[in-house]
Structures are given as structure tokens and as C-alpha cells.
Protein backbone atom coordinates (compact mmCIF):
# COMPACT_ATOMS: atom_id res chain seq x y z
CA UNK A 1 73.07 259.46 -193.41
CA UNK A 2 75.55 259.08 -190.32
CA UNK A 3 78.90 259.92 -190.93
CA UNK A 4 81.28 262.97 -192.43
CA UNK A 5 81.19 264.56 -195.89
CA UNK A 6 82.79 262.46 -198.31
CA UNK A 7 84.64 262.38 -201.87
CA UNK A 8 84.27 260.69 -205.02
CA UNK A 9 87.59 258.60 -205.63
CA UNK A 10 90.19 259.68 -208.38
CA UNK A 11 89.53 257.94 -211.27
CA UNK A 12 93.06 256.10 -210.59
CA UNK A 13 91.42 254.02 -208.42
CA UNK A 14 88.57 253.12 -210.42
CA UNK A 15 91.07 251.01 -212.88
CA UNK A 16 91.31 248.13 -210.91
CA UNK A 17 89.27 246.10 -208.74
CA UNK A 18 90.19 244.01 -206.24
CA UNK A 19 90.10 240.50 -205.61
CA UNK A 20 87.77 240.91 -202.66
CA UNK A 21 84.95 241.10 -204.93
CA UNK A 22 84.20 237.76 -205.05
CA UNK A 23 83.03 237.09 -208.50
CA UNK A 24 84.20 235.44 -211.35
CA UNK A 25 83.34 237.57 -213.92
CA UNK A 26 83.04 241.65 -214.69
CA UNK A 27 81.21 243.89 -211.52
CA UNK A 28 79.34 247.02 -212.64
CA UNK A 29 81.24 247.58 -215.95
CA UNK A 30 84.75 247.16 -214.31
CA UNK A 31 87.11 244.22 -215.41
CA UNK A 32 87.69 241.36 -213.38
CA UNK A 33 90.75 241.09 -211.31
CA UNK A 34 92.78 238.53 -213.93
CA UNK A 35 92.18 241.05 -216.71
CA UNK A 36 94.57 243.62 -218.18
CA UNK A 37 93.66 246.90 -219.18
CA UNK A 38 96.37 248.34 -221.82
CA UNK A 39 96.71 251.97 -221.36
CA UNK A 40 95.58 254.04 -224.67
CA UNK A 41 97.76 257.31 -223.63
CA UNK A 42 101.34 257.69 -222.50
CA UNK A 43 101.58 258.08 -218.74
CA UNK A 44 102.31 261.50 -218.28
CA UNK A 45 99.49 262.53 -220.82
CA UNK A 46 96.95 260.53 -218.83
CA UNK A 47 97.94 262.07 -215.23
CA UNK A 48 96.80 265.35 -217.43
CA UNK A 49 93.68 264.06 -218.53
CA UNK A 50 93.16 262.85 -215.02
CA UNK A 51 93.50 266.62 -213.49
CA UNK A 52 91.20 267.60 -216.20
CA UNK A 53 88.36 265.42 -214.97
CA UNK A 54 88.49 266.05 -211.36
CA UNK A 55 88.45 270.23 -212.25
CA UNK A 56 85.60 269.22 -214.76
CA UNK A 57 84.01 266.97 -211.71
CA UNK A 58 84.64 269.71 -208.86
CA UNK A 59 82.76 272.34 -211.75
CA UNK A 60 80.21 270.84 -212.45
CA UNK A 61 79.39 269.67 -208.59
CA UNK A 62 79.61 273.40 -207.84
CA UNK A 63 77.36 274.06 -210.92
CA UNK A 64 73.70 274.77 -209.13
CA UNK A 65 74.29 277.57 -206.58
CA UNK A 66 72.73 276.69 -203.14
CA UNK A 67 70.64 279.23 -201.13
CA UNK A 68 71.23 280.32 -197.62
CA UNK A 69 68.49 277.90 -196.37
CA UNK A 70 70.53 274.96 -197.35
CA UNK A 71 73.65 276.33 -196.26
CA UNK A 72 72.18 276.41 -192.83
CA UNK A 73 70.95 273.02 -193.42
CA UNK A 74 74.37 271.65 -194.21
CA UNK A 75 75.61 273.52 -191.11
CA UNK A 76 73.08 271.80 -189.01
CA UNK A 77 73.95 268.63 -190.52
CA UNK A 78 77.72 269.07 -189.95
CA UNK A 79 76.92 269.74 -186.33
CA UNK A 80 75.13 266.72 -185.66
CA UNK A 81 78.08 264.27 -187.56
CA UNK A 82 75.42 263.35 -190.49
CA UNK A 83 76.71 263.02 -194.00
CA UNK A 84 74.74 265.46 -196.76
CA UNK A 85 74.31 264.90 -200.36
CA UNK A 86 76.98 267.33 -202.03
CA UNK A 87 75.33 270.15 -204.06
CA UNK A 88 75.83 268.03 -207.35
CA UNK A 89 73.55 265.48 -206.14
CA UNK A 90 71.33 267.52 -204.90
CA UNK A 91 71.12 269.36 -208.50
CA UNK A 92 70.89 265.81 -209.84
CA UNK A 93 68.12 264.77 -207.47
CA UNK A 94 66.06 268.48 -208.46
CA UNK A 95 66.45 267.35 -211.90
CA UNK A 96 65.14 263.91 -211.35
CA UNK A 97 62.23 264.97 -209.77
CA UNK A 98 61.66 267.42 -212.29
CA UNK A 99 61.78 264.91 -215.49
CA UNK A 100 59.05 262.63 -213.41
CA UNK A 101 56.84 265.33 -212.78
CA UNK A 102 56.93 264.26 -209.37
CA UNK A 103 53.68 264.68 -207.02
CA UNK A 104 54.74 261.71 -204.65
CA UNK A 105 58.25 261.08 -203.50
CA UNK A 106 59.68 259.09 -200.76
CA UNK A 107 63.02 259.46 -199.08
CA UNK A 108 64.59 257.10 -196.52
CA UNK A 109 66.78 259.13 -194.55
CA UNK A 110 65.63 262.69 -193.94
CA UNK A 111 68.86 264.25 -192.20
CA UNK A 112 68.90 267.77 -191.55
CA UNK A 113 66.94 268.41 -195.08
CA UNK A 114 69.35 269.24 -197.71
CA UNK A 115 67.97 266.28 -199.97
CA UNK A 116 64.58 267.14 -199.29
CA UNK A 117 64.80 270.32 -200.05
CA UNK A 118 66.27 269.75 -203.35
CA UNK A 119 63.33 267.32 -204.17
CA UNK A 120 60.66 269.86 -202.85
CA UNK A 121 62.72 272.12 -205.72
CA UNK A 122 62.12 269.84 -208.50
CA UNK A 123 58.55 268.24 -207.74
CA UNK A 124 55.44 269.79 -208.76
CA UNK A 125 54.05 272.70 -206.24
CA UNK A 126 51.35 270.33 -205.22
CA UNK A 127 53.61 267.54 -204.72
CA UNK A 128 54.36 266.13 -201.35
CA UNK A 129 57.69 264.91 -199.79
CA UNK A 130 57.06 261.82 -197.08
CA UNK A 131 60.49 261.57 -195.24
CA UNK A 132 61.22 258.71 -193.05
CA UNK A 133 64.34 258.91 -190.39
CA UNK A 134 64.75 257.28 -186.92
CA UNK A 135 65.51 260.65 -185.51
CA UNK A 136 63.02 263.05 -184.85
CA UNK A 137 65.50 265.84 -183.51
CA UNK A 138 67.05 265.54 -187.40
CA UNK A 139 63.62 266.27 -188.70
CA UNK A 140 62.86 269.19 -186.78
CA UNK A 141 65.94 270.57 -188.35
CA UNK A 142 64.50 269.83 -191.76
CA UNK A 143 61.23 271.30 -190.87
CA UNK A 144 62.74 274.79 -190.13
CA UNK A 145 64.72 274.16 -193.45
CA UNK A 146 62.15 273.85 -195.46
CA UNK A 147 59.81 276.50 -193.80
CA UNK A 148 62.85 278.77 -194.51
CA UNK A 149 62.57 277.80 -198.17
CA UNK A 150 59.17 278.90 -198.59
CA UNK A 151 57.78 275.27 -198.80
CA UNK A 152 54.34 275.21 -197.21
CA UNK A 153 54.44 272.98 -193.91
CA UNK A 154 51.81 270.48 -196.40
CA UNK A 155 54.32 269.73 -198.88
CA UNK A 156 56.19 267.24 -196.47
CA UNK A 157 55.07 264.34 -194.34
CA UNK A 158 57.20 263.65 -191.63
CA UNK A 159 57.67 260.37 -190.58
CA UNK A 160 60.07 258.96 -187.25
CA UNK A 161 61.20 255.38 -187.72
CA UNK A 162 62.97 252.84 -188.65
CA UNK A 163 62.37 252.94 -192.59
CA UNK A 164 61.67 248.96 -192.69
CA UNK A 165 58.82 249.43 -190.32
CA UNK A 166 57.38 252.40 -192.09
CA UNK A 167 57.87 251.74 -195.54
CA UNK A 168 55.45 248.64 -195.65
CA UNK A 169 52.88 251.15 -194.22
CA UNK A 170 52.78 253.55 -197.68
CA UNK A 171 50.32 252.81 -200.68
CA UNK A 172 51.36 249.96 -203.55
CA UNK A 173 52.39 252.32 -207.14
CA UNK A 174 51.51 255.55 -205.27
CA UNK A 175 54.89 257.11 -205.69
CA UNK A 176 56.89 258.91 -208.63
CA UNK A 177 60.21 258.59 -206.60
CA UNK A 178 61.99 257.01 -204.21
CA UNK A 179 64.92 257.97 -202.98
CA UNK A 180 67.18 256.03 -200.63
CA UNK A 181 70.19 257.40 -198.08
CA UNK A 182 69.51 255.17 -194.99
CA UNK A 183 70.99 252.37 -193.58
CA UNK A 184 73.53 250.71 -196.32
CA UNK A 185 73.34 247.20 -194.65
CA UNK A 186 69.47 247.83 -195.53
CA UNK A 187 69.65 248.65 -199.13
CA UNK A 188 68.36 245.46 -200.64
CA UNK A 189 65.42 245.41 -198.33
CA UNK A 190 64.92 249.45 -199.63
CA UNK A 191 65.35 248.16 -203.12
CA UNK A 192 62.40 245.99 -202.60
CA UNK A 193 60.18 248.16 -200.93
CA UNK A 194 61.10 250.73 -203.72
CA UNK A 195 59.93 248.77 -206.38
CA UNK A 196 56.40 248.34 -204.47
CA UNK A 197 55.97 251.76 -203.74
CA UNK A 198 56.89 252.73 -207.49
CA UNK A 199 54.57 253.51 -210.18
CA UNK A 200 55.49 252.44 -213.34
CA UNK A 201 58.00 255.01 -214.76
CA UNK A 202 59.04 255.73 -211.82
CA UNK A 203 62.22 256.37 -210.25
CA UNK A 204 64.38 254.64 -207.22
CA UNK A 205 67.50 256.50 -206.71
CA UNK A 206 70.54 255.14 -204.42
CA UNK A 207 72.90 257.65 -202.93
CA UNK A 208 76.57 256.53 -201.72
CA UNK A 209 77.36 253.82 -203.75
CA UNK A 210 80.77 254.35 -204.67
CA UNK A 211 81.64 254.78 -200.22
CA UNK A 212 84.09 256.82 -200.63
CA UNK A 213 85.96 254.67 -203.53
CA UNK A 214 85.51 251.25 -201.81
CA UNK A 215 82.97 249.48 -203.53
CA UNK A 216 85.47 249.06 -206.19
CA UNK A 217 88.83 249.25 -204.09
CA UNK A 218 91.28 246.42 -202.90
CA UNK A 219 91.37 244.42 -200.13
CA UNK A 220 88.79 242.91 -197.34
CA UNK A 221 85.59 245.57 -197.21
CA UNK A 222 83.14 245.90 -194.69
CA UNK A 223 79.59 244.37 -194.69
CA UNK A 224 77.90 247.40 -195.58
CA UNK A 225 80.29 247.65 -198.93
CA UNK A 226 79.34 243.94 -200.05
CA UNK A 227 75.89 245.29 -199.28
CA UNK A 228 76.44 248.00 -202.08
CA UNK A 229 78.38 245.89 -204.61
CA UNK A 230 75.10 243.46 -203.83
CA UNK A 231 72.67 246.50 -205.00
CA UNK A 232 75.05 247.39 -207.93
CA UNK A 233 74.74 243.89 -209.44
CA UNK A 234 70.79 243.38 -208.48
CA UNK A 235 69.98 246.86 -210.03
CA UNK A 236 72.14 246.34 -213.27
CA UNK A 237 70.60 242.54 -213.51
CA UNK A 238 66.89 243.20 -212.59
CA UNK A 239 64.14 243.07 -215.77
CA UNK A 240 62.24 245.48 -213.90
CA UNK A 241 64.68 248.24 -214.13
CA UNK A 242 66.35 250.67 -216.63
CA UNK A 243 69.50 251.24 -214.27
CA UNK A 244 72.59 254.20 -214.73
CA UNK A 245 75.22 255.13 -212.08
CA UNK A 246 75.81 258.78 -212.06
CA UNK A 247 79.15 260.06 -211.06
CA UNK A 248 78.51 262.56 -208.96
CA UNK A 249 79.30 263.07 -205.04
CA UNK A 250 79.63 259.80 -203.81
CA UNK A 251 78.02 257.79 -206.39
CA UNK A 252 74.03 257.84 -207.46
CA UNK A 253 72.54 254.88 -208.49
CA UNK A 254 69.10 255.69 -210.43
CA UNK A 255 66.97 253.00 -211.68
CA UNK A 256 63.43 253.46 -213.75
CA UNK A 257 60.77 251.02 -213.28
CA UNK A 258 59.35 249.59 -216.33
């Protein structure tokens, strides 16, 4: 969860895919670099549509209001140099947790508790959030934020440590939802662990898969972006998963385990 707040790239940046994707076919639904796209609208009219979309996305991101405890958690994250999920992403997490009637949720990347608050709001009243983070100090902020929201202390289990050291100790098929917002270099390992942890019908969710527009941008990209591209392909092509890529925040990749 390290970094600064990021925003989805404009739709115009999504119309081209770089040769740096290093593939012979389409990637995640976008045309290959050799493909041509015929504009459907006159150039002037397309700019108007793009502006409307940006306004609509901003409206959607702020649609579900956040309370003072969430604002406090966001402030602590900002002071610590952490990137929090956007309000729209938080609302989507709340919705997804409610949709699967989640009683047990695993979270990779506690941060200062912003995403955890949204997940707890969507979970059953007796649900327990197991949240993992290598920074115990950040988890202390999350504890305070959860308490300020009125959640009982037994609603959250905080486990300090590196995710790939902690996840193997969690129960097979014991979780309704796994939310991944940790080290982008480890996303493929998170996916493998999530498939083991989830019950049939459970959800795995990855935050930040747009990487501030770099996932489909031109030019050479760092290893973490290449890992995200690998993740997107793996989830889309898996026979075990029913996927969807939601354009909220910095990109929310969701998939139901069959």
C-alpha cells in the first residue's frame, strides 16, 4: 500500500496499447499494437463524450459518503505516505462483501484501515476480518479507526508480517472474500493463495491493477507493471474463475471462484 493517491487514467489513454506488452494477441480486451481502431465519432464530439465520462466517474467515486472515522484513517495514511483505496473502490468493496454475505474475509495490506472499514461495513454483523500487514504501527492506526466506527474488537484479527509468510497458515476454503492490496511484485503468489483460501463462490479482489495508467501505457514498464499484466491474463484465462475488471479508483480486478 506504499505510495501516493492515484487516479484512473483518462479513456483516451486506453485507446492504444504499447508494443511493450510483448504479446502477439490482444491483452485484457484491448487491441494488439498492430490493430487499427476506426473512430465512431467526429473528433470534436468524442472530446465531449470523454469529458462527460470523466465527470460521471468523479460523481460515481463520491456517490457513497464516508464518515469521520474514514476521513481520520485517510489522514493517517496520507501522513504515513500510504495510498488508500478511493471512496468509490471502498464502496465497491462494501458491496462485494455484502453480496457474498461475507463472514470471513482476508485482507492483504491493512494500511491505516480505510479498506478494512468498508469491508467490515459490508460483512455480516458476526463477520471477522483477518488483515495482514508488515507494519504493526499502521495496524495500530487501523485498530483506532475500527474502534471509532463502532466495530467490536473481536470483529478484526490483526496479523503483523509479510503476507506470503502469513497466508499459508490460514485455513483452506475458509474465506468468503480475499482482498489483495499488497506488494505488486507478489500478485501471482497472492492469486495462488487466494484460490486455496476461498470457498466455492467466494471472491478474490485485487486493487490498483491500472497502476495509474501504466498497465496499458506505451513504453518500457517496471517489473511491478509486468506482474500486473501477468495477473490480468491469468485471471481472465483461468477456468476456475469468473472475472470482471471494474473501472473504479485505480482499477479493481474481481473474480468469483467456481
